[in-house]
């Protein structure tokens, strides 16, 4: 079995960026039983998130870890025992190839190496701040309310970074969601594991995907988020080192 190594971007800064849903790639040996059209939807990839992450890494001289497989293959932003780790339905779209999937094999091939890579980056040089970059849909295809937020800031127990970022967004008159469009107190697996458990300040940034679905949108919102991350990082630094 060949394990899947995530994309690593080097950087000299004290921030680490994560992009759990950066790719819609289906590796050899995996048959999801879905069309190419499905692989271009949000159920397979966080649209625009990888492009934003790469721009931020370059602008901020930040390290970054980006997934190289679709979330339909395995959701790297779920605990290994989570029921939705290998989805058989996602936002109303069946994934028939996952019904008989080798769960342990996919964890060993994709999930474990991704999280080992994140852990290795932290062990090599402890970041002052970890930000996970995601995108969300204006509305779920399977129903639900419209999602009016332009950006959502998600967090679990540690809200140090989130409070600073939400204030920075408000001052820029950006429509921001506080633990919206879903709560980081319910879904925060990657940051719970690698940041909160180590006392590292962290947050997830969710950008509405219709805003970053083209190059112009990516460029604009990368600039906005760069400002938010810089302000957050500077404010955290002024508060002193995080707990160990």
C-alpha atoms as a PDB file:
ATOM      1  CA  UNK A   1       0.000   0.000   0.000  1.00  0.00           C
ATOM      2  CA  UNK A   2       1.302   3.446  -0.954  1.00  0.00           C
ATOM      3  CA  UNK A   3       0.369   6.107   1.568  1.00  0.00           C
ATOM      4  CA  UNK A   4      -0.787   9.539   0.444  1.00  0.00           C
ATOM      5  CA  UNK A   5       1.475  12.384   1.529  1.00  0.00           C
ATOM      6  CA  UNK A   6      -0.216  15.804   1.729  1.00  0.00           C
ATOM      7  CA  UNK A   7       1.102  18.923   0.040  1.00  0.00           C
ATOM      8  CA  UNK A   8       3.488  20.839   2.293  1.00  0.00           C
ATOM      9  CA  UNK A   9       4.321  24.504   1.765  1.00  0.00           C
ATOM     10  CA  UNK A  10       7.414  25.768   3.544  1.00  0.00           C
ATOM     11  CA  UNK A  11       7.491  29.095   5.329  1.00  0.00           C
ATOM     12  CA  UNK A  12       9.511  31.041   7.831  1.00  0.00           C
ATOM     13  CA  UNK A  13       6.649  32.654   9.728  1.00  0.00           C
ATOM     14  CA  UNK A  14       5.112  31.567  13.021  1.00  0.00           C
ATOM     15  CA  UNK A  15       1.694  30.685  11.555  1.00  0.00           C
ATOM     16  CA  UNK A  16       0.575  27.272  10.287  1.00  0.00           C
ATOM     17  CA  UNK A  17      -2.255  27.023   7.748  1.00  0.00           C
ATOM     18  CA  UNK A  18      -4.294  23.850   7.198  1.00  0.00           C
ATOM     19  CA  UNK A  19      -6.618  22.972   4.324  1.00  0.00           C
ATOM     20  CA  UNK A  20      -8.352  19.656   5.039  1.00  0.00           C
ATOM     21  CA  UNK A  21     -10.596  19.772   1.957  1.00  0.00           C
ATOM     22  CA  UNK A  22      -8.192  21.205  -0.621  1.00  0.00           C
ATOM     23  CA  UNK A  23      -8.607  18.565  -3.337  1.00  0.00           C
ATOM     24  CA  UNK A  24     -11.241  16.648  -5.289  1.00  0.00           C
ATOM     25  CA  UNK A  25      -8.739  14.019  -6.426  1.00  0.00           C
ATOM     26  CA  UNK A  26      -9.745  10.362  -6.307  1.00  0.00           C
ATOM     27  CA  UNK A  27      -6.556   8.274  -6.113  1.00  0.00           C
ATOM     28  CA  UNK A  28      -5.921   5.051  -8.041  1.00  0.00           C
ATOM     29  CA  UNK A  29      -7.655   2.053  -6.534  1.00  0.00           C
ATOM     30  CA  UNK A  30     -10.609   4.040  -5.204  1.00  0.00           C
ATOM     31  CA  UNK A  31     -13.937   3.915  -7.069  1.00  0.00           C
ATOM     32  CA  UNK A  32     -16.542   6.205  -5.550  1.00  0.00           C
ATOM     33  CA  UNK A  33     -19.148   5.486  -8.197  1.00  0.00           C
ATOM     34  CA  UNK A  34     -19.914   9.185  -8.723  1.00  0.00           C
ATOM     35  CA  UNK A  35     -19.803  11.400 -11.804  1.00  0.00           C
ATOM     36  CA  UNK A  36     -17.233  14.049 -12.649  1.00  0.00           C
ATOM     37  CA  UNK A  37     -19.940  16.639 -11.993  1.00  0.00           C
ATOM     38  CA  UNK A  38     -20.230  15.487  -8.380  1.00  0.00           C
ATOM     39  CA  UNK A  39     -16.463  15.749  -7.946  1.00  0.00           C
ATOM     40  CA  UNK A  40     -16.690  19.430  -8.851  1.00  0.00           C
ATOM     41  CA  UNK A  41     -19.283  20.152  -6.148  1.00  0.00           C
ATOM     42  CA  UNK A  42     -18.758  21.213  -2.568  1.00  0.00           C
ATOM     43  CA  UNK A  43     -19.426  17.658  -1.388  1.00  0.00           C
ATOM     44  CA  UNK A  44     -16.086  16.647  -2.908  1.00  0.00           C
ATOM     45  CA  UNK A  45     -13.954  19.739  -2.270  1.00  0.00           C
ATOM     46  CA  UNK A  46     -14.007  23.072  -0.453  1.00  0.00           C
ATOM     47  CA  UNK A  47     -14.253  25.225  -3.577  1.00  0.00           C
ATOM     48  CA  UNK A  48     -11.632  27.970  -3.601  1.00  0.00           C
ATOM     49  CA  UNK A  49     -10.066  27.007  -0.270  1.00  0.00           C
ATOM     50  CA  UNK A  50      -6.811  25.607  -1.677  1.00  0.00           C
ATOM     51  CA  UNK A  51      -6.208  28.664  -3.853  1.00  0.00           C
ATOM     52  CA  UNK A  52      -6.816  30.965  -0.901  1.00  0.00           C
ATOM     53  CA  UNK A  53      -4.513  28.893   1.321  1.00  0.00           C
ATOM     54  CA  UNK A  54      -1.671  29.003  -1.203  1.00  0.00           C
ATOM     55  CA  UNK A  55      -2.012  32.779  -1.605  1.00  0.00           C
ATOM     56  CA  UNK A  56      -2.040  33.258   2.154  1.00  0.00           C
ATOM     57  CA  UNK A  57       0.993  31.048   2.633  1.00  0.00           C
ATOM     58  CA  UNK A  58       2.936  33.107   0.095  1.00  0.00           C
ATOM     59  CA  UNK A  59       1.793  36.472   1.432  1.00  0.00           C
ATOM     60  CA  UNK A  60       2.393  35.607   5.087  1.00  0.00           C
ATOM     61  CA  UNK A  61       5.474  33.387   4.647  1.00  0.00           C
ATOM     62  CA  UNK A  62       3.435  30.752   6.490  1.00  0.00           C
ATOM     63  CA  UNK A  63       3.783  26.999   6.434  1.00  0.00           C
ATOM     64  CA  UNK A  64       0.778  25.111   5.125  1.00  0.00           C
ATOM     65  CA  UNK A  65      -0.492  21.545   4.884  1.00  0.00           C
ATOM     66  CA  UNK A  66      -3.040  20.801   2.155  1.00  0.00           C
ATOM     67  CA  UNK A  67      -4.967  17.592   1.549  1.00  0.00           C
ATOM     68  CA  UNK A  68      -4.476  15.829  -1.783  1.00  0.00           C
ATOM     69  CA  UNK A  69      -7.589  13.623  -1.772  1.00  0.00           C
ATOM     70  CA  UNK A  70     -11.298  14.363  -1.942  1.00  0.00           C
ATOM     71  CA  UNK A  71     -13.372  14.500   1.203  1.00  0.00           C
ATOM     72  CA  UNK A  72     -15.579  11.864  -0.466  1.00  0.00           C
ATOM     73  CA  UNK A  73     -12.655   9.430  -0.319  1.00  0.00           C
ATOM     74  CA  UNK A  74     -12.143  10.174   3.360  1.00  0.00           C
ATOM     75  CA  UNK A  75     -12.945  13.266   5.378  1.00  0.00           C
ATOM     76  CA  UNK A  76      -9.704  14.346   6.991  1.00  0.00           C
ATOM     77  CA  UNK A  77     -11.645  16.803   9.156  1.00  0.00           C
ATOM     78  CA  UNK A  78     -13.313  13.989  11.099  1.00  0.00           C
ATOM     79  CA  UNK A  79     -12.093  11.752  13.882  1.00  0.00           C
ATOM     80  CA  UNK A  80     -11.133   8.253  12.716  1.00  0.00           C
ATOM     81  CA  UNK A  81     -14.178   6.767  14.472  1.00  0.00           C
ATOM     82  CA  UNK A  82     -16.649   9.369  13.143  1.00  0.00           C
ATOM     83  CA  UNK A  83     -19.686   7.960  11.329  1.00  0.00           C
ATOM     84  CA  UNK A  84     -19.176  10.377   8.428  1.00  0.00           C
ATOM     85  CA  UNK A  85     -15.494   9.645   7.909  1.00  0.00           C
ATOM     86  CA  UNK A  86     -16.205   7.786   4.647  1.00  0.00           C
ATOM     87  CA  UNK A  87     -19.563   9.190   3.520  1.00  0.00           C
ATOM     88  CA  UNK A  88     -22.122   7.065   1.723  1.00  0.00           C
ATOM     89  CA  UNK A  89     -24.341  10.131   1.189  1.00  0.00           C
ATOM     90  CA  UNK A  90     -23.237  13.764   1.182  1.00  0.00           C
ATOM     91  CA  UNK A  91     -25.736  16.635   0.946  1.00  0.00           C
ATOM     92  CA  UNK A  92     -28.202  14.314  -0.759  1.00  0.00           C
ATOM     93  CA  UNK A  93     -25.692  12.811  -3.220  1.00  0.00           C
ATOM     94  CA  UNK A  94     -25.133   9.041  -2.893  1.00  0.00           C
ATOM     95  CA  UNK A  95     -21.567   7.742  -2.912  1.00  0.00           C
ATOM     96  CA  UNK A  96     -22.198   4.059  -3.754  1.00  0.00           C
ATOM     97  CA  UNK A  97     -18.545   3.106  -3.950  1.00  0.00           C
ATOM     98  CA  UNK A  98     -18.131   3.834  -0.249  1.00  0.00           C
ATOM     99  CA  UNK A  99     -20.676   1.289   0.926  1.00  0.00           C
ATOM    100  CA  UNK A 100     -18.133  -1.521   0.956  1.00  0.00           C
ATOM    101  CA  UNK A 101     -15.045   0.623   1.515  1.00  0.00           C
ATOM    102  CA  UNK A 102     -12.078  -0.745   3.449  1.00  0.00           C
ATOM    103  CA  UNK A 103     -12.298   1.704   6.339  1.00  0.00           C
ATOM    104  CA  UNK A 104      -9.052   0.677   8.022  1.00  0.00           C
ATOM    105  CA  UNK A 105      -7.235   0.696   4.718  1.00  0.00           C
ATOM    106  CA  UNK A 106      -8.356   4.221   3.852  1.00  0.00           C
ATOM    107  CA  UNK A 107      -7.443   5.479   7.314  1.00  0.00           C
ATOM    108  CA  UNK A 108      -3.963   3.985   6.990  1.00  0.00           C
ATOM    109  CA  UNK A 109      -3.487   5.243   3.430  1.00  0.00           C
ATOM    110  CA  UNK A 110      -4.911   8.758   3.717  1.00  0.00           C
ATOM    111  CA  UNK A 111      -6.059   9.864   7.190  1.00  0.00           C
ATOM    112  CA  UNK A 112      -3.072   8.790   9.259  1.00  0.00           C
ATOM    113  CA  UNK A 113      -0.430  10.280   6.908  1.00  0.00           C
ATOM    114  CA  UNK A 114      -2.235  13.606   6.711  1.00  0.00           C
ATOM    115  CA  UNK A 115      -2.454  14.010  10.455  1.00  0.00           C
ATOM    116  CA  UNK A 116       1.093  12.721  10.908  1.00  0.00           C
ATOM    117  CA  UNK A 117       2.263  15.453   8.545  1.00  0.00           C
ATOM    118  CA  UNK A 118       0.415  18.129  10.518  1.00  0.00           C
ATOM    119  CA  UNK A 119       1.847  16.798  13.775  1.00  0.00           C
ATOM    120  CA  UNK A 120       5.347  16.761  12.254  1.00  0.00           C
ATOM    121  CA  UNK A 121       5.089  20.418  11.262  1.00  0.00           C
ATOM    122  CA  UNK A 122       4.113  21.335  14.811  1.00  0.00           C
ATOM    123  CA  UNK A 123       6.858  19.179  16.325  1.00  0.00           C
ATOM    124  CA  UNK A 124       9.521  20.672  14.048  1.00  0.00           C
ATOM    125  CA  UNK A 125       8.589  24.244  14.957  1.00  0.00           C
ATOM    126  CA  UNK A 126       5.718  25.054  17.242  1.00  0.00           C
ATOM    127  CA  UNK A 127       3.481  27.663  15.570  1.00  0.00           C
ATOM    128  CA  UNK A 128       2.141  30.591  17.524  1.00  0.00           C
ATOM    129  CA  UNK A 129      -1.183  30.261  15.735  1.00  0.00           C
ATOM    130  CA  UNK A 130      -2.974  27.696  13.538  1.00  0.00           C
ATOM    131  CA  UNK A 131      -5.675  28.660  11.036  1.00  0.00           C
ATOM    132  CA  UNK A 132      -7.711  26.139   9.053  1.00  0.00           C
ATOM    133  CA  UNK A 133      -9.115  27.393   5.746  1.00  0.00           C
ATOM    134  CA  UNK A 134     -12.476  26.066   4.523  1.00  0.00           C
ATOM    135  CA  UNK A 135     -15.363  27.172   2.303  1.00  0.00           C
ATOM    136  CA  UNK A 136     -19.115  26.706   2.586  1.00  0.00           C
ATOM    137  CA  UNK A 137     -22.139  26.819   0.294  1.00  0.00           C
ATOM    138  CA  UNK A 138     -24.665  29.684   0.230  1.00  0.00           C
ATOM    139  CA  UNK A 139     -27.282  26.988   0.885  1.00  0.00           C
ATOM    140  CA  UNK A 140     -27.198  23.218   1.196  1.00  0.00           C
ATOM    141  CA  UNK A 141     -28.604  21.379  -1.809  1.00  0.00           C
ATOM    142  CA  UNK A 142     -30.577  19.068   0.455  1.00  0.00           C
ATOM    143  CA  UNK A 143     -32.427  21.956   2.086  1.00  0.00           C
ATOM    144  CA  UNK A 144     -32.054  24.372   4.933  1.00  0.00           C
ATOM    145  CA  UNK A 145     -31.833  28.114   5.242  1.00  0.00           C
ATOM    146  CA  UNK A 146     -29.858  30.567   3.182  1.00  0.00           C
ATOM    147  CA  UNK A 147     -26.413  31.272   4.634  1.00  0.00           C
ATOM    148  CA  UNK A 148     -25.928  35.036   4.486  1.00  0.00           C
ATOM    149  CA  UNK A 149     -22.458  35.186   6.029  1.00  0.00           C
ATOM    150  CA  UNK A 150     -19.506  36.081   3.855  1.00  0.00           C
ATOM    151  CA  UNK A 151     -17.038  34.592   6.311  1.00  0.00           C
ATOM    152  CA  UNK A 152     -17.524  32.318   9.298  1.00  0.00           C
ATOM    153  CA  UNK A 153     -15.129  31.995  12.225  1.00  0.00           C
ATOM    154  CA  UNK A 154     -15.323  28.624  13.962  1.00  0.00           C
ATOM    155  CA  UNK A 155     -13.832  27.569  17.280  1.00  0.00           C
ATOM    156  CA  UNK A 156     -14.334  25.119  20.123  1.00  0.00           C
ATOM    157  CA  UNK A 157     -13.211  25.934  23.680  1.00  0.00           C
ATOM    158  CA  UNK A 158     -10.242  28.129  22.821  1.00  0.00           C
ATOM    159  CA  UNK A 159     -11.717  31.332  21.390  1.00  0.00           C
ATOM    160  CA  UNK A 160      -8.649  33.568  21.735  1.00  0.00           C
ATOM    161  CA  UNK A 161      -8.051  33.876  18.001  1.00  0.00           C
ATOM    162  CA  UNK A 162     -11.732  33.807  17.073  1.00  0.00           C
ATOM    163  CA  UNK A 163     -12.644  36.817  19.211  1.00  0.00           C
ATOM    164  CA  UNK A 164      -9.900  38.919  17.659  1.00  0.00           C
ATOM    165  CA  UNK A 165     -10.814  37.830  14.126  1.00  0.00           C
ATOM    166  CA  UNK A 166     -14.533  38.450  14.590  1.00  0.00           C
ATOM    167  CA  UNK A 167     -13.816  41.955  15.809  1.00  0.00           C
ATOM    168  CA  UNK A 168     -11.530  42.600  12.848  1.00  0.00           C
ATOM    169  CA  UNK A 169     -14.212  41.423  10.416  1.00  0.00           C
ATOM    170  CA  UNK A 170     -16.873  43.547  12.087  1.00  0.00           C
ATOM    171  CA  UNK A 171     -14.711  46.660  11.799  1.00  0.00           C
ATOM    172  CA  UNK A 172     -14.431  45.973   8.057  1.00  0.00           C
ATOM    173  CA  UNK A 173     -18.230  45.642   7.833  1.00  0.00           C
ATOM    174  CA  UNK A 174     -17.954  42.060   6.619  1.00  0.00           C
ATOM    175  CA  UNK A 175     -20.980  39.857   7.327  1.00  0.00           C
ATOM    176  CA  UNK A 176     -19.350  37.363   9.676  1.00  0.00           C
ATOM    177  CA  UNK A 177     -20.718  34.261  11.353  1.00  0.00           C
ATOM    178  CA  UNK A 178     -19.772  33.509  14.952  1.00  0.00           C
ATOM    179  CA  UNK A 179     -19.534  29.698  14.871  1.00  0.00           C
ATOM    180  CA  UNK A 180     -21.578  29.770  11.660  1.00  0.00           C
ATOM    181  CA  UNK A 181     -22.568  28.167   9.283  1.00  0.00           C
ATOM    182  CA  UNK A 182     -21.934  25.355  11.763  1.00  0.00           C
ATOM    183  CA  UNK A 183     -20.414  25.230  15.199  1.00  0.00           C
ATOM    184  CA  UNK A 184     -16.793  24.438  15.901  1.00  0.00           C
ATOM    185  CA  UNK A 185     -18.015  23.084  19.216  1.00  0.00           C
ATOM    186  CA  UNK A 186     -19.522  20.197  17.225  1.00  0.00           C
ATOM    187  CA  UNK A 187     -17.125  19.807  14.288  1.00  0.00           C
ATOM    188  CA  UNK A 188     -13.545  20.835  15.045  1.00  0.00           C
ATOM    189  CA  UNK A 189     -11.635  17.575  14.714  1.00  0.00           C
ATOM    190  CA  UNK A 190      -8.365  18.765  13.165  1.00  0.00           C
ATOM    191  CA  UNK A 191      -7.912  21.765  15.435  1.00  0.00           C
ATOM    192  CA  UNK A 192      -9.042  19.859  18.527  1.00  0.00           C
ATOM    193  CA  UNK A 193      -6.346  17.294  17.837  1.00  0.00           C
ATOM    194  CA  UNK A 194      -3.427  19.453  16.782  1.00  0.00           C
ATOM    195  CA  UNK A 195      -4.047  22.881  18.305  1.00  0.00           C
ATOM    196  CA  UNK A 196      -6.351  22.878  21.334  1.00  0.00           C
ATOM    197  CA  UNK A 197      -4.773  19.692  22.696  1.00  0.00           C
ATOM    198  CA  UNK A 198      -1.387  21.443  22.603  1.00  0.00           C
ATOM    199  CA  UNK A 199      -2.582  24.842  23.859  1.00  0.00           C
ATOM    200  CA  UNK A 200      -1.971  26.532  20.491  1.00  0.00           C
ATOM    201  CA  UNK A 201      -4.327  29.390  19.564  1.00  0.00           C
ATOM    202  CA  UNK A 202      -6.449  28.433  16.581  1.00  0.00           C
ATOM    203  CA  UNK A 203      -9.581  28.973  14.520  1.00  0.00           C
ATOM    204  CA  UNK A 204     -11.227  27.829  11.314  1.00  0.00           C
ATOM    205  CA  UNK A 205     -12.030  30.392   8.650  1.00  0.00           C
ATOM    206  CA  UNK A 206     -14.982  29.514   6.430  1.00  0.00           C
ATOM    207  CA  UNK A 207     -15.450  31.606   3.273  1.00  0.00           C
ATOM    208  CA  UNK A 208     -18.692  31.378   1.310  1.00  0.00           C
ATOM    209  CA  UNK A 209     -17.713  29.545  -1.829  1.00  0.00           C
ATOM    210  CA  UNK A 210     -19.555  31.697  -4.354  1.00  0.00           C
ATOM    211  CA  UNK A 211     -17.208  34.509  -3.303  1.00  0.00           C
ATOM    212  CA  UNK A 212     -14.044  32.523  -4.143  1.00  0.00           C
ATOM    213  CA  UNK A 213     -15.151  30.504  -7.156  1.00  0.00           C
ATOM    214  CA  UNK A 214     -12.979  32.491  -9.606  1.00  0.00           C
ATOM    215  CA  UNK A 215      -9.533  34.092  -9.657  1.00  0.00           C
ATOM    216  CA  UNK A 216     -10.819  37.584  -8.909  1.00  0.00           C
ATOM    217  CA  UNK A 217     -12.742  36.384  -5.879  1.00  0.00           C
ATOM    218  CA  UNK A 218      -9.799  34.366  -4.615  1.00  0.00           C
ATOM    219  CA  UNK A 219      -7.507  37.375  -4.953  1.00  0.00           C
ATOM    220  CA  UNK A 220      -9.913  39.729  -3.162  1.00  0.00           C
ATOM    221  CA  UNK A 221     -10.789  37.477  -0.261  1.00  0.00           C
ATOM    222  CA  UNK A 222      -7.229  36.253   0.180  1.00  0.00           C
ATOM    223  CA  UNK A 223      -6.304  39.890   0.724  1.00  0.00           C
ATOM    224  CA  UNK A 224      -9.084  40.336   3.261  1.00  0.00           C
ATOM    225  CA  UNK A 225      -8.183  37.173   5.160  1.00  0.00           C
ATOM    226  CA  UNK A 226      -4.479  38.090   5.062  1.00  0.00           C
ATOM    227  CA  UNK A 227      -5.345  41.274   6.951  1.00  0.00           C
ATOM    228  CA  UNK A 228      -7.489  39.358   9.457  1.00  0.00           C
ATOM    229  CA  UNK A 229      -4.785  36.764  10.088  1.00  0.00           C
ATOM    230  CA  UNK A 230      -2.088  39.407  10.454  1.00  0.00           C
ATOM    231  CA  UNK A 231      -4.167  41.390  12.937  1.00  0.00           C
ATOM    232  CA  UNK A 232      -5.043  38.219  14.842  1.00  0.00           C
ATOM    233  CA  UNK A 233      -1.445  37.012  14.956  1.00  0.00           C
ATOM    234  CA  UNK A 234      -0.139  40.381  16.113  1.00  0.00           C
ATOM    235  CA  UNK A 235      -2.782  40.650  18.824  1.00  0.00           C
ATOM    236  CA  UNK A 236      -2.065  37.133  20.063  1.00  0.00           C
ATOM    237  CA  UNK A 237       1.661  37.909  20.157  1.00  0.00           C
ATOM    238  CA  UNK A 238       1.018  40.992  22.265  1.00  0.00           C
ATOM    239  CA  UNK A 239      -0.810  38.809  24.777  1.00  0.00           C
ATOM    240  CA  UNK A 240       2.261  36.654  25.321  1.00  0.00           C
ATOM    241  CA  UNK A 241       3.097  33.027  24.490  1.00  0.00           C
ATOM    242  CA  UNK A 242       0.378  30.381  24.469  1.00  0.00           C
ATOM    243  CA  UNK A 243       0.200  27.639  27.049  1.00  0.00           C
ATOM    244  CA  UNK A 244       2.160  24.426  26.538  1.00  0.00           C
END
